[in-house]
């Protein structure tokens, strides 16, 4: 039971990492705060969607192999 809770707690590290990477990437593309935040929002959603797709593919492969 303790192992199951620690695995899900590691997912919380994803949120600040995606926010930081998105803001830095947006800041390298724009100079004003409005475009930076808009670009960071779109890029952050894209990263989370990409990670979700990879998760689903790996989950399906893991259940299919077993």
Protein backbone atom coordinates (compact mmCIF):
# COMPACT_ATOMS: atom_id res chain seq x y z
CA UNK A 1 0.00 0.00 0.00
CA UNK A 2 2.81 2.42 0.82
CA UNK A 3 4.49 1.71 -2.52
CA UNK A 4 1.31 2.56 -4.42
CA UNK A 5 1.05 5.98 -2.78
CA UNK A 6 4.68 6.89 -3.46
CA UNK A 7 4.32 6.11 -7.17
CA UNK A 8 1.41 8.52 -7.52
CA UNK A 9 3.17 11.17 -5.44
CA UNK A 10 5.96 11.25 -8.01
CA UNK A 11 3.45 12.47 -10.59
CA UNK A 12 3.22 15.77 -8.69
CA UNK A 13 6.76 16.57 -9.83
CA UNK A 14 5.44 16.71 -13.38
CA UNK A 15 3.32 19.83 -12.82
CA UNK A 16 6.06 22.30 -11.76
CA UNK A 17 8.40 20.82 -14.35
CA UNK A 18 5.92 21.38 -17.18
CA UNK A 19 5.16 24.90 -15.92
CA UNK A 20 8.85 25.83 -15.72
CA UNK A 21 9.73 24.37 -19.11
CA UNK A 22 6.70 26.01 -20.74
CA UNK A 23 7.48 29.43 -19.30
CA UNK A 24 11.14 29.25 -20.29
CA UNK A 25 10.28 28.04 -23.78
CA UNK A 26 7.66 30.79 -24.17
CA UNK A 27 10.14 33.40 -22.94
CA UNK A 28 12.68 32.34 -25.55
CA UNK A 29 10.11 33.02 -28.28
CA UNK A 30 8.56 36.30 -27.09
CA UNK A 31 9.47 39.38 -25.07
CA UNK A 32 6.12 40.61 -23.75
CA UNK A 33 4.34 38.90 -20.86
CA UNK A 34 1.04 38.33 -22.69
CA UNK A 35 2.48 36.36 -25.60
CA UNK A 36 4.82 34.49 -23.24
CA UNK A 37 1.91 33.28 -21.11
CA UNK A 38 -0.21 32.40 -24.14
CA UNK A 39 2.62 30.42 -25.71
CA UNK A 40 3.46 28.77 -22.38
CA UNK A 41 -0.19 27.71 -21.94
CA UNK A 42 -0.36 26.15 -25.42
CA UNK A 43 3.03 24.48 -25.09
CA UNK A 44 2.20 23.14 -21.61
CA UNK A 45 -1.01 21.58 -22.88
CA UNK A 46 0.88 20.09 -25.82
CA UNK A 47 3.49 18.56 -23.49
CA UNK A 48 0.84 17.11 -21.17
CA UNK A 49 -1.08 15.66 -24.13
CA UNK A 50 2.11 14.13 -25.49
CA UNK A 51 2.94 12.59 -22.11
CA UNK A 52 -0.63 11.26 -21.83
CA UNK A 53 -0.40 9.60 -25.26
CA UNK A 54 2.93 7.99 -24.35
CA UNK A 55 1.41 6.79 -21.06
CA UNK A 56 -1.57 5.23 -22.82
CA UNK A 57 0.63 3.49 -25.38
CA UNK A 58 2.90 2.08 -22.68
CA UNK A 59 -0.08 1.04 -20.55
CA UNK A 60 -1.69 -0.80 -23.46
CA UNK A 61 1.60 -2.51 -24.30
CA UNK A 62 2.11 -3.52 -20.68
CA UNK A 63 -1.36 -5.05 -20.39
CA UNK A 64 -1.07 -6.70 -23.79
CA UNK A 65 2.27 -8.39 -22.97
CA UNK A 66 1.08 -9.75 -19.63
